[in-house]
PDB file of N, CA and C in Angstrom:
ATOM      1  N   MET A   1       0.822  -1.193  -0.024  1.00  0.00           N
ATOM      2  CA  MET A   1       0.002  -0.010  -0.009  1.00  0.00           C
ATOM      3  C   MET A   1       0.894   1.244   0.008  1.00  0.00           C
ATOM      4  N   ARG A   2       0.340   2.290  -0.498  1.00  0.00           N
ATOM      5  CA  ARG A   2       1.054   3.523  -0.589  1.00  0.00           C
ATOM      6  C   ARG A   2       1.079   4.239   0.752  1.00  0.00           C
ATOM      7  N   ARG A   3       2.212   4.777   1.056  1.00  0.00           N
ATOM      8  CA  ARG A   3       2.374   5.616   2.273  1.00  0.00           C
ATOM      9  C   ARG A   3       2.603   7.032   1.843  1.00  0.00           C
ATOM     10  N   ALA A   4       2.039   7.441   0.654  1.00  0.00           N
ATOM     11  CA  ALA A   4       2.331   8.737   0.173  1.00  0.00           C
ATOM     12  C   ALA A   4       1.071   9.194  -0.621  1.00  0.00           C
ATOM     13  N   ILE A   5       0.896  10.492  -0.692  1.00  0.00           N
ATOM     14  CA  ILE A   5      -0.071  11.095  -1.547  1.00  0.00           C
ATOM     15  C   ILE A   5       0.603  11.388  -2.807  1.00  0.00           C
ATOM     16  N   THR A   6       0.018  10.928  -3.943  1.00  0.00           N
ATOM     17  CA  THR A   6       0.578  11.117  -5.280  1.00  0.00           C
ATOM     18  C   THR A   6      -0.272  12.085  -6.014  1.00  0.00           C
ATOM     19  N   ILE A   7       0.293  13.168  -6.564  1.00  0.00           N
ATOM     20  CA  ILE A   7      -0.552  14.182  -7.297  1.00  0.00           C
ATOM     21  C   ILE A   7       0.073  14.290  -8.706  1.00  0.00           C
ATOM     22  N   TYR A   8      -0.795  14.335  -9.673  1.00  0.00           N
ATOM     23  CA  TYR A   8      -0.383  14.486 -11.043  1.00  0.00           C
ATOM     24  C   TYR A   8      -0.827  15.930 -11.469  1.00  0.00           C
ATOM     25  N   VAL A   9       0.133  16.669 -11.990  1.00  0.00           N
ATOM     26  CA  VAL A   9      -0.122  18.014 -12.467  1.00  0.00           C
ATOM     27  C   VAL A   9       0.509  18.115 -13.916  1.00  0.00           C
ATOM     28  N   LYS A  10       0.093  19.217 -14.601  1.00  0.00           N
ATOM     29  CA  LYS A  10       0.590  19.404 -15.962  1.00  0.00           C
ATOM     30  C   LYS A  10       1.203  20.830 -16.040  1.00  0.00           C
ATOM     31  N   SER A  11       2.385  20.925 -16.486  1.00  0.00           N
ATOM     32  CA  SER A  11       2.988  22.229 -16.737  1.00  0.00           C
ATOM     33  C   SER A  11       3.311  22.416 -18.186  1.00  0.00           C
ATOM     34  N   GLU A  12       3.703  23.622 -18.544  1.00  0.00           N
ATOM     35  CA  GLU A  12       4.086  23.939 -19.891  1.00  0.00           C
ATOM     36  C   GLU A  12       5.330  24.823 -19.830  1.00  0.00           C
ATOM     37  N   TRP A  13       6.115  24.758 -20.848  1.00  0.00           N
ATOM     38  CA  TRP A  13       7.267  25.649 -20.989  1.00  0.00           C
ATOM     39  C   TRP A  13       6.819  26.805 -21.911  1.00  0.00           C
ATOM     40  N   LYS A  14       6.972  27.994 -21.424  1.00  0.00           N
ATOM     41  CA  LYS A  14       6.604  29.219 -22.205  1.00  0.00           C
ATOM     42  C   LYS A  14       7.832  29.981 -22.611  1.00  0.00           C
ATOM     43  N   ILE A  15       7.891  30.468 -23.797  1.00  0.00           N
ATOM     44  CA  ILE A  15       9.034  31.248 -24.245  1.00  0.00           C
ATOM     45  C   ILE A  15       8.651  32.695 -24.207  1.00  0.00           C
ATOM     46  N   LYS A  16       9.475  33.511 -23.534  1.00  0.00           N
ATOM     47  CA  LYS A  16       9.257  34.969 -23.466  1.00  0.00           C
ATOM     48  C   LYS A  16      10.312  35.504 -24.493  1.00  0.00           C
ATOM     49  N   PRO A  17       9.865  35.994 -25.636  1.00  0.00           N
ATOM     50  CA  PRO A  17      10.850  36.456 -26.577  1.00  0.00           C
ATOM     51  C   PRO A  17      11.559  37.707 -26.148  1.00  0.00           C
ATOM     52  N   PHE A  18      12.803  37.711 -26.422  1.00  0.00           N
ATOM     53  CA  PHE A  18      13.592  38.936 -26.187  1.00  0.00           C
ATOM     54  C   PHE A  18      13.527  39.487 -24.782  1.00  0.00           C
ATOM     55  N   ALA A  19      13.758  38.575 -23.818  1.00  0.00           N
ATOM     56  CA  ALA A  19      13.701  38.961 -22.390  1.00  0.00           C
ATOM     57  C   ALA A  19      14.846  39.854 -21.939  1.00  0.00           C
ATOM     58  N   SER A  20      15.954  39.682 -22.695  1.00  0.00           N
ATOM     59  CA  SER A  20      17.152  40.483 -22.220  1.00  0.00           C
ATOM     60  C   SER A  20      17.071  41.869 -22.802  1.00  0.00           C
ATOM     61  N   THR A  21      17.654  42.828 -22.057  1.00  0.00           N
ATOM     62  CA  THR A  21      17.645  44.215 -22.447  1.00  0.00           C
ATOM     63  C   THR A  21      19.097  44.801 -22.546  1.00  0.00           C
ATOM     64  N   PHE A  22      19.979  43.989 -23.017  1.00  0.00           N
ATOM     65  CA  PHE A  22      21.351  44.476 -23.101  1.00  0.00           C
ATOM     66  C   PHE A  22      21.502  45.498 -24.201  1.00  0.00           C
ATOM     67  N   THR A  23      22.281  46.510 -23.893  1.00  0.00           N
ATOM     68  CA  THR A  23      22.484  47.579 -24.864  1.00  0.00           C
ATOM     69  C   THR A  23      23.922  47.482 -25.439  1.00  0.00           C
ATOM     70  N   THR A  24      24.573  46.420 -25.232  1.00  0.00           N
ATOM     71  CA  THR A  24      25.962  46.240 -25.684  1.00  0.00           C
ATOM     72  C   THR A  24      26.139  45.756 -27.100  1.00  0.00           C
ATOM     73  N   GLY A  25      25.032  45.585 -27.796  1.00  0.00           N
ATOM     74  CA  GLY A  25      25.129  45.129 -29.160  1.00  0.00           C
ATOM     75  C   GLY A  25      24.921  43.588 -29.298  1.00  0.00           C
ATOM     76  N   TYR A  26      24.828  42.886 -28.221  1.00  0.00           N
ATOM     77  CA  TYR A  26      24.527  41.408 -28.322  1.00  0.00           C
ATOM     78  C   TYR A  26      23.119  41.225 -28.735  1.00  0.00           C
ATOM     79  N   LEU A  27      22.861  40.134 -29.411  1.00  0.00           N
ATOM     80  CA  LEU A  27      21.476  39.763 -29.771  1.00  0.00           C
ATOM     81  C   LEU A  27      20.667  39.492 -28.525  1.00  0.00           C
ATOM     82  N   PRO A  28      19.479  39.984 -28.504  1.00  0.00           N
ATOM     83  CA  PRO A  28      18.587  39.659 -27.359  1.00  0.00           C
ATOM     84  C   PRO A  28      18.340  38.157 -27.242  1.00  0.00           C
ATOM     85  N   GLN A  29      18.218  37.688 -26.025  1.00  0.00           N
ATOM     86  CA  GLN A  29      17.997  36.309 -25.745  1.00  0.00           C
ATOM     87  C   GLN A  29      16.563  36.023 -25.351  1.00  0.00           C
ATOM     88  N   HIS A  30      16.079  34.815 -25.695  1.00  0.00           N
ATOM     89  CA  HIS A  30      14.761  34.408 -25.264  1.00  0.00           C
ATOM     90  C   HIS A  30      14.900  33.886 -23.868  1.00  0.00           C
ATOM     91  N   LYS A  31      13.810  33.967 -23.110  1.00  0.00           N
ATOM     92  CA  LYS A  31      13.795  33.377 -21.757  1.00  0.00           C
ATOM     93  C   LYS A  31      12.676  32.310 -21.734  1.00  0.00           C
ATOM     94  N   ILE A  32      13.032  31.174 -21.158  1.00  0.00           N
ATOM     95  CA  ILE A  32      12.120  30.053 -21.096  1.00  0.00           C
ATOM     96  C   ILE A  32      11.673  29.864 -19.644  1.00  0.00           C
ATOM     97  N   GLU A  33      10.365  29.905 -19.431  1.00  0.00           N
ATOM     98  CA  GLU A  33       9.860  29.783 -18.059  1.00  0.00           C
ATOM     99  C   GLU A  33       8.857  28.592 -17.983  1.00  0.00           C
ATOM    100  N   ARG A  34       8.780  28.005 -16.826  1.00  0.00           N
ATOM    101  CA  ARG A  34       7.858  26.917 -16.619  1.00  0.00           C
ATOM    102  C   ARG A  34       6.491  27.503 -16.069  1.00  0.00           C
ATOM    103  N   PHE A  35       5.427  27.075 -16.648  1.00  0.00           N
ATOM    104  CA  PHE A  35       4.117  27.584 -16.281  1.00  0.00           C
ATOM    105  C   PHE A  35       3.250  26.438 -15.824  1.00  0.00           C
ATOM    106  N   ILE A  36       2.632  26.533 -14.697  1.00  0.00           N
ATOM    107  CA  ILE A  36       1.690  25.514 -14.188  1.00  0.00           C
ATOM    108  C   ILE A  36       0.288  26.142 -14.087  1.00  0.00           C
ATOM    109  N   TRP A  37      -0.680  25.327 -14.468  1.00  0.00           N
ATOM    110  CA  TRP A  37      -2.027  25.850 -14.566  1.00  0.00           C
ATOM    111  C   TRP A  37      -2.570  26.176 -13.084  1.00  0.00           C
ATOM    112  N   ARG A  38      -3.495  27.120 -12.996  1.00  0.00           N
ATOM    113  CA  ARG A  38      -3.965  27.597 -11.737  1.00  0.00           C
ATOM    114  C   ARG A  38      -4.607  26.509 -10.904  1.00  0.00           C
ATOM    115  N   GLU A  39      -5.404  25.666 -11.526  1.00  0.00           N
ATOM    116  CA  GLU A  39      -6.063  24.588 -10.782  1.00  0.00           C
ATOM    117  C   GLU A  39      -5.037  23.588 -10.253  1.00  0.00           C
ATOM    118  N   ASP A  40      -4.008  23.285 -11.079  1.00  0.00           N
ATOM    119  CA  ASP A  40      -2.994  22.345 -10.608  1.00  0.00           C
ATOM    120  C   ASP A  40      -2.186  22.954  -9.472  1.00  0.00           C
ATOM    121  N   ALA A  41      -1.900  24.255  -9.570  1.00  0.00           N
ATOM    122  CA  ALA A  41      -1.136  24.928  -8.499  1.00  0.00           C
ATOM    123  C   ALA A  41      -1.951  24.920  -7.192  1.00  0.00           C
ATOM    124  N   MET A  42      -3.279  25.182  -7.297  1.00  0.00           N
ATOM    125  CA  MET A  42      -4.093  25.199  -6.073  1.00  0.00           C
ATOM    126  C   MET A  42      -4.102  23.776  -5.430  1.00  0.00           C
ATOM    127  N   MET A  43      -4.283  22.752  -6.257  1.00  0.00           N
ATOM    128  CA  MET A  43      -4.309  21.408  -5.676  1.00  0.00           C
ATOM    129  C   MET A  43      -2.927  20.953  -5.126  1.00  0.00           C
ATOM    130  N   LEU A  44      -1.901  21.392  -5.773  1.00  0.00           N
ATOM    131  CA  LEU A  44      -0.541  21.120  -5.305  1.00  0.00           C
ATOM    132  C   LEU A  44      -0.330  21.689  -3.946  1.00  0.00           C
ATOM    133  N   ARG A  45      -0.720  22.906  -3.737  1.00  0.00           N
ATOM    134  CA  ARG A  45      -0.657  23.654  -2.465  1.00  0.00           C
ATOM    135  C   ARG A  45      -1.469  22.964  -1.364  1.00  0.00           C
ATOM    136  N   VAL A  46      -2.705  22.506  -1.699  1.00  0.00           N
ATOM    137  CA  VAL A  46      -3.595  21.817  -0.784  1.00  0.00           C
ATOM    138  C   VAL A  46      -2.991  20.463  -0.437  1.00  0.00           C
ATOM    139  N   ALA A  47      -2.477  19.701  -1.405  1.00  0.00           N
ATOM    140  CA  ALA A  47      -1.945  18.425  -1.126  1.00  0.00           C
ATOM    141  C   ALA A  47      -0.653  18.480  -0.320  1.00  0.00           C
ATOM    142  N   THR A  48       0.141  19.564  -0.480  1.00  0.00           N
ATOM    143  CA  THR A  48       1.318  19.748   0.355  1.00  0.00           C
ATOM    144  C   THR A  48       0.938  20.016   1.763  1.00  0.00           C
ATOM    145  N   GLU A  49      -0.050  20.861   2.007  1.00  0.00           N
ATOM    146  CA  GLU A  49      -0.523  21.149   3.381  1.00  0.00           C
ATOM    147  C   GLU A  49      -1.077  19.895   4.053  1.00  0.00           C
ATOM    148  N   VAL A  50      -1.892  19.102   3.285  1.00  0.00           N
ATOM    149  CA  VAL A  50      -2.554  17.929   3.869  1.00  0.00           C
ATOM    150  C   VAL A  50      -1.459  16.848   4.162  1.00  0.00           C
ATOM    151  N   ALA A  51      -0.497  16.632   3.252  1.00  0.00           N
ATOM    152  CA  ALA A  51       0.533  15.684   3.578  1.00  0.00           C
ATOM    153  C   ALA A  51       1.316  16.040   4.779  1.00  0.00           C
ATOM    154  N   ALA A  52       1.621  17.359   4.966  1.00  0.00           N
ATOM    155  CA  ALA A  52       2.359  17.750   6.155  1.00  0.00           C
ATOM    156  C   ALA A  52       1.504  17.538   7.415  1.00  0.00           C
ATOM    157  N   GLU A  53       0.204  17.828   7.270  1.00  0.00           N
ATOM    158  CA  GLU A  53      -0.710  17.680   8.439  1.00  0.00           C
ATOM    159  C   GLU A  53      -0.895  16.231   8.862  1.00  0.00           C
ATOM    160  N   LEU A  54      -0.982  15.337   7.859  1.00  0.00           N
ATOM    161  CA  LEU A  54      -1.179  13.961   8.188  1.00  0.00           C
ATOM    162  C   LEU A  54       0.147  13.120   8.319  1.00  0.00           C
ATOM    163  N   GLY A  55       1.247  13.824   8.080  1.00  0.00           N
ATOM    164  CA  GLY A  55       2.563  13.166   8.282  1.00  0.00           C
ATOM    165  C   GLY A  55       2.811  12.142   7.090  1.00  0.00           C
ATOM    166  N   LEU A  56       2.417  12.437   5.910  1.00  0.00           N
ATOM    167  CA  LEU A  56       2.631  11.600   4.765  1.00  0.00           C
ATOM    168  C   LEU A  56       3.629  12.226   3.773  1.00  0.00           C
ATOM    169  N   LYS A  57       4.206  11.323   2.987  1.00  0.00           N
ATOM    170  CA  LYS A  57       5.102  11.867   1.920  1.00  0.00           C
ATOM    171  C   LYS A  57       4.239  12.278   0.726  1.00  0.00           C
ATOM    172  N   LEU A  58       4.742  13.254  -0.028  1.00  0.00           N
ATOM    173  CA  LEU A  58       4.069  13.758  -1.232  1.00  0.00           C
ATOM    174  C   LEU A  58       4.905  13.458  -2.417  1.00  0.00           C
ATOM    175  N   GLU A  59       4.277  12.818  -3.393  1.00  0.00           N
ATOM    176  CA  GLU A  59       4.940  12.532  -4.658  1.00  0.00           C
ATOM    177  C   GLU A  59       4.281  13.347  -5.745  1.00  0.00           C
ATOM    178  N   VAL A  60       5.018  14.130  -6.489  1.00  0.00           N
ATOM    179  CA  VAL A  60       4.473  15.001  -7.501  1.00  0.00           C
ATOM    180  C   VAL A  60       4.935  14.514  -8.881  1.00  0.00           C
ATOM    181  N   TRP A  61       4.065  14.207  -9.824  1.00  0.00           N
ATOM    182  CA  TRP A  61       4.401  13.843 -11.123  1.00  0.00           C
ATOM    183  C   TRP A  61       3.885  14.860 -12.120  1.00  0.00           C
ATOM    184  N   ASP A  62       4.780  15.332 -12.970  1.00  0.00           N
ATOM    185  CA  ASP A  62       4.418  16.332 -13.951  1.00  0.00           C
ATOM    186  C   ASP A  62       4.233  15.669 -15.312  1.00  0.00           C
ATOM    187  N   LEU A  63       3.075  15.808 -15.918  1.00  0.00           N
ATOM    188  CA  LEU A  63       2.816  15.185 -17.197  1.00  0.00           C
ATOM    189  C   LEU A  63       3.629  15.754 -18.337  1.00  0.00           C
ATOM    190  N   ALA A  64       4.261  16.888 -18.087  1.00  0.00           N
ATOM    191  CA  ALA A  64       5.091  17.522 -19.178  1.00  0.00           C
ATOM    192  C   ALA A  64       6.432  16.836 -19.278  1.00  0.00           C
ATOM    193  N   THR A  65       6.789  15.969 -18.328  1.00  0.00           N
ATOM    194  CA  THR A  65       8.033  15.256 -18.404  1.00  0.00           C
ATOM    195  C   THR A  65       7.756  13.849 -18.882  1.00  0.00           C
ATOM    196  N   PRO A  66       8.728  13.210 -19.535  1.00  0.00           N
ATOM    197  CA  PRO A  66       8.488  11.855 -20.037  1.00  0.00           C
ATOM    198  C   PRO A  66       8.216  10.863 -18.980  1.00  0.00           C
ATOM    199  N   ARG A  67       8.891  10.939 -17.765  1.00  0.00           N
ATOM    200  CA  ARG A  67       8.666  10.009 -16.687  1.00  0.00           C
ATOM    201  C   ARG A  67       7.240  10.251 -16.072  1.00  0.00           C
ATOM    202  N   GLY A  68       6.856  11.509 -15.905  1.00  0.00           N
ATOM    203  CA  GLY A  68       5.513  11.748 -15.401  1.00  0.00           C
ATOM    204  C   GLY A  68       4.430  11.339 -16.342  1.00  0.00           C
ATOM    205  N   TRP A  69       4.649  11.567 -17.591  1.00  0.00           N
ATOM    206  CA  TRP A  69       3.650  11.119 -18.639  1.00  0.00           C
ATOM    207  C   TRP A  69       3.464   9.587 -18.612  1.00  0.00           C
ATOM    208  N   PHE A  70       4.591   8.874 -18.589  1.00  0.00           N
ATOM    209  CA  PHE A  70       4.582   7.459 -18.598  1.00  0.00           C
ATOM    210  C   PHE A  70       3.948   6.863 -17.344  1.00  0.00           C
ATOM    211  N   ASN A  71       4.242   7.474 -16.170  1.00  0.00           N
ATOM    212  CA  ASN A  71       3.677   7.061 -14.927  1.00  0.00           C
ATOM    213  C   ASN A  71       2.139   7.346 -14.938  1.00  0.00           C
ATOM    214  N   ALA A  72       1.768   8.429 -15.513  1.00  0.00           N
ATOM    215  CA  ALA A  72       0.274   8.707 -15.647  1.00  0.00           C
ATOM    216  C   ALA A  72      -0.418   7.715 -16.480  1.00  0.00           C
ATOM    217  N   ILE A  73       0.210   7.210 -17.536  1.00  0.00           N
ATOM    218  CA  ILE A  73      -0.386   6.222 -18.373  1.00  0.00           C
ATOM    219  C   ILE A  73      -0.573   4.935 -17.641  1.00  0.00           C
ATOM    220  N   ILE A  74       0.472   4.566 -16.874  1.00  0.00           N
ATOM    221  CA  ILE A  74       0.428   3.292 -16.081  1.00  0.00           C
ATOM    222  C   ILE A  74      -0.724   3.337 -15.027  1.00  0.00           C
ATOM    223  N   ASN A  75      -0.868   4.545 -14.399  1.00  0.00           N
ATOM    224  CA  ASN A  75      -1.941   4.672 -13.405  1.00  0.00           C
ATOM    225  C   ASN A  75      -3.251   5.168 -13.910  1.00  0.00           C
ATOM    226  N   LYS A  76      -3.379   5.222 -15.202  1.00  0.00           N
ATOM    227  CA  LYS A  76      -4.647   5.594 -15.904  1.00  0.00           C
ATOM    228  C   LYS A  76      -5.163   6.984 -15.500  1.00  0.00           C
ATOM    229  N   VAL A  77      -4.257   7.915 -15.449  1.00  0.00           N
ATOM    230  CA  VAL A  77      -4.656   9.316 -15.125  1.00  0.00           C
ATOM    231  C   VAL A  77      -5.135   9.935 -16.448  1.00  0.00           C
ATOM    232  N   LYS A  78      -6.354  10.483 -16.448  1.00  0.00           N
ATOM    233  CA  LYS A  78      -6.910  11.067 -17.652  1.00  0.00           C
ATOM    234  C   LYS A  78      -6.836  12.590 -17.658  1.00  0.00           C
ATOM    235  N   SER A  79      -6.903  13.214 -16.497  1.00  0.00           N
ATOM    236  CA  SER A  79      -6.929  14.642 -16.396  1.00  0.00           C
ATOM    237  C   SER A  79      -6.149  15.054 -15.194  1.00  0.00           C
ATOM    238  N   THR A  80      -5.827  16.365 -15.195  1.00  0.00           N
ATOM    239  CA  THR A  80      -5.114  17.006 -14.035  1.00  0.00           C
ATOM    240  C   THR A  80      -5.951  18.049 -13.410  1.00  0.00           C
ATOM    241  N   PRO A  81      -5.846  18.286 -12.174  1.00  0.00           N
ATOM    242  CA  PRO A  81      -5.054  17.585 -11.141  1.00  0.00           C
ATOM    243  C   PRO A  81      -5.765  16.288 -10.746  1.00  0.00           C
ATOM    244  N   THR A  82      -4.977  15.304 -10.445  1.00  0.00           N
ATOM    245  CA  THR A  82      -5.474  14.012  -9.939  1.00  0.00           C
ATOM    246  C   THR A  82      -4.635  13.632  -8.746  1.00  0.00           C
ATOM    247  N   ILE A  83      -5.308  13.235  -7.680  1.00  0.00           N
ATOM    248  CA  ILE A  83      -4.640  12.827  -6.471  1.00  0.00           C
ATOM    249  C   ILE A  83      -4.939  11.313  -6.251  1.00  0.00           C
ATOM    250  N   ILE A  84      -3.959  10.555  -6.034  1.00  0.00           N
ATOM    251  CA  ILE A  84      -4.130   9.106  -5.698  1.00  0.00           C
ATOM    252  C   ILE A  84      -3.494   8.773  -4.357  1.00  0.00           C
ATOM    253  N   PHE A  85      -4.324   8.148  -3.514  1.00  0.00           N
ATOM    254  CA  PHE A  85      -3.853   7.685  -2.186  1.00  0.00           C
ATOM    255  C   PHE A  85      -4.473   6.390  -1.876  1.00  0.00           C
ATOM    256  N   ASP A  86      -3.736   5.301  -1.770  1.00  0.00           N
ATOM    257  CA  ASP A  86      -4.276   4.000  -1.323  1.00  0.00           C
ATOM    258  C   ASP A  86      -5.511   3.604  -2.125  1.00  0.00           C
ATOM    259  N   ASP A  87      -5.361   3.525  -3.386  1.00  0.00           N
ATOM    260  CA  ASP A  87      -6.454   3.140  -4.270  1.00  0.00           C
ATOM    261  C   ASP A  87      -7.659   4.100  -4.307  1.00  0.00           C
ATOM    262  N   HIS A  88      -7.495   5.285  -3.726  1.00  0.00           N
ATOM    263  CA  HIS A  88      -8.515   6.293  -3.861  1.00  0.00           C
ATOM    264  C   HIS A  88      -8.065   7.292  -4.879  1.00  0.00           C
ATOM    265  N   ARG A  89      -8.895   7.657  -5.872  1.00  0.00           N
ATOM    266  CA  ARG A  89      -8.606   8.582  -6.891  1.00  0.00           C
ATOM    267  C   ARG A  89      -9.510   9.768  -6.853  1.00  0.00           C
ATOM    268  N   LEU A  90      -8.922  10.974  -6.704  1.00  0.00           N
ATOM    269  CA  LEU A  90      -9.662  12.208  -6.669  1.00  0.00           C
ATOM    270  C   LEU A  90      -9.256  13.087  -7.842  1.00  0.00           C
ATOM    271  N   GLN A  91     -10.215  13.385  -8.686  1.00  0.00           N
ATOM    272  CA  GLN A  91      -9.916  14.260  -9.886  1.00  0.00           C
ATOM    273  C   GLN A  91     -10.519  15.630  -9.713  1.00  0.00           C
ATOM    274  N   GLY A  92      -9.796  16.626 -10.196  1.00  0.00           N
ATOM    275  CA  GLY A  92     -10.289  17.993 -10.160  1.00  0.00           C
ATOM    276  C   GLY A  92      -9.925  18.656  -8.874  1.00  0.00           C
ATOM    277  N   VAL A  93     -10.442  19.866  -8.786  1.00  0.00           N
ATOM    278  CA  VAL A  93     -10.179  20.757  -7.615  1.00  0.00           C
ATOM    279  C   VAL A  93     -11.122  20.482  -6.528  1.00  0.00           C
ATOM    280  N   ILE A  94     -10.608  20.145  -5.367  1.00  0.00           N
ATOM    281  CA  ILE A  94     -11.430  19.949  -4.158  1.00  0.00           C
ATOM    282  C   ILE A  94     -10.800  20.763  -3.009  1.00  0.00           C
ATOM    283  N   SER A  95     -11.580  21.008  -1.997  1.00  0.00           N
ATOM    284  CA  SER A  95     -11.117  21.852  -0.909  1.00  0.00           C
ATOM    285  C   SER A  95     -10.233  21.024   0.058  1.00  0.00           C
ATOM    286  N   LYS A  96      -9.498  21.750   0.888  1.00  0.00           N
ATOM    287  CA  LYS A  96      -8.584  21.078   1.846  1.00  0.00           C
ATOM    288  C   LYS A  96      -9.388  20.236   2.839  1.00  0.00           C
ATOM    289  N   ALA A  97     -10.509  20.763   3.314  1.00  0.00           N
ATOM    290  CA  ALA A  97     -11.325  20.012   4.268  1.00  0.00           C
ATOM    291  C   ALA A  97     -11.888  18.758   3.635  1.00  0.00           C
ATOM    292  N   GLU A  98     -12.282  18.796   2.382  1.00  0.00           N
ATOM    293  CA  GLU A  98     -12.812  17.610   1.743  1.00  0.00           C
ATOM    294  C   GLU A  98     -11.677  16.494   1.527  1.00  0.00           C
ATOM    295  N   LEU A  99     -10.535  16.998   1.181  1.00  0.00           N
ATOM    296  CA  LEU A  99      -9.367  16.075   0.991  1.00  0.00           C
ATOM    297  C   LEU A  99      -8.997  15.430   2.337  1.00  0.00           C
ATOM    298  N   VAL A 100      -8.918  16.227   3.401  1.00  0.00           N
ATOM    299  CA  VAL A 100      -8.559  15.667   4.705  1.00  0.00           C
ATOM    300  C   VAL A 100      -9.617  14.680   5.143  1.00  0.00           C
ATOM    301  N   ASP A 101     -10.870  14.962   4.950  1.00  0.00           N
ATOM    302  CA  ASP A 101     -11.989  14.122   5.285  1.00  0.00           C
ATOM    303  C   ASP A 101     -11.912  12.742   4.568  1.00  0.00           C
ATOM    304  N   ARG A 102     -11.594  12.797   3.291  1.00  0.00           N
ATOM    305  CA  ARG A 102     -11.553  11.552   2.531  1.00  0.00           C
ATOM    306  C   ARG A 102     -10.338  10.725   2.858  1.00  0.00           C
ATOM    307  N   LEU A 103      -9.218  11.303   3.193  1.00  0.00           N
ATOM    308  CA  LEU A 103      -7.936  10.590   3.440  1.00  0.00           C
ATOM    309  C   LEU A 103      -7.807  10.201   4.903  1.00  0.00           C
ATOM    310  N   LYS A 104      -8.463  10.932   5.825  1.00  0.00           N
ATOM    311  CA  LYS A 104      -8.240  10.631   7.258  1.00  0.00           C
ATOM    312  C   LYS A 104      -8.662   9.228   7.686  1.00  0.00           C
ATOM    313  N   ASP A 105      -9.799   8.772   7.150  1.00  0.00           N
ATOM    314  CA  ASP A 105     -10.235   7.411   7.500  1.00  0.00           C
ATOM    315  C   ASP A 105      -9.245   6.400   6.990  1.00  0.00           C
ATOM    316  N   THR A 106      -8.696   6.567   5.788  1.00  0.00           N
ATOM    317  CA  THR A 106      -7.720   5.642   5.309  1.00  0.00           C
ATOM    318  C   THR A 106      -6.424   5.612   6.063  1.00  0.00           C
ATOM    319  N   VAL A 107      -5.976   6.831   6.453  1.00  0.00           N
ATOM    320  CA  VAL A 107      -4.752   6.960   7.235  1.00  0.00           C
ATOM    321  C   VAL A 107      -4.966   6.305   8.617  1.00  0.00           C
ATOM    322  N   ASP A 108      -6.153   6.479   9.243  1.00  0.00           N
ATOM    323  CA  ASP A 108      -6.440   5.876  10.529  1.00  0.00           C
ATOM    324  C   ASP A 108      -6.401   4.314  10.384  1.00  0.00           C
ATOM    325  N   GLN A 109      -6.928   3.831   9.357  1.00  0.00           N
ATOM    326  CA  GLN A 109      -6.996   2.368   9.149  1.00  0.00           C
ATOM    327  C   GLN A 109      -5.547   1.813   8.956  1.00  0.00           C
ATOM    328  N   LEU A 110      -4.709   2.551   8.204  1.00  0.00           N
ATOM    329  CA  LEU A 110      -3.320   2.156   8.020  1.00  0.00           C
ATOM    330  C   LEU A 110      -2.518   2.154   9.264  1.00  0.00           C
ATOM    331  N   ALA A 111      -2.888   3.129  10.186  1.00  0.00           N
ATOM    332  CA  ALA A 111      -2.103   3.299  11.423  1.00  0.00           C
ATOM    333  C   ALA A 111      -2.390   2.106  12.440  1.00  0.00           C
ATOM    334  N   THR A 112      -3.608   1.495  12.331  1.00  0.00           N
ATOM    335  CA  THR A 112      -3.891   0.448  13.256  1.00  0.00           C
ATOM    336  C   THR A 112      -3.446  -0.906  12.747  1.00  0.00           C
TER     337      THR A 112
END
């Protein structure tokens, strides 16, 4: 059984053209930043707080990476954000209280 909360999120790489402002005659450089969707960021924050509160490890898989994408296929993740804990699958944005409520019974059963 899992002793960790696993969350799947999706990020993107965004290119900001000509982010440098050098006046020395060098060509301007592009800047590449990682962007995570708002819903995924909210659930990542909630999952981090809940994992700390319940004393569990947090595993984060990003579908933008090959390892995260392959792991999501193995675990049949269809959309993000998705939280998996001990055969419980929660998809979409949920509140912290609802996540704690759903996971607390499972954590209590594992502790005994």
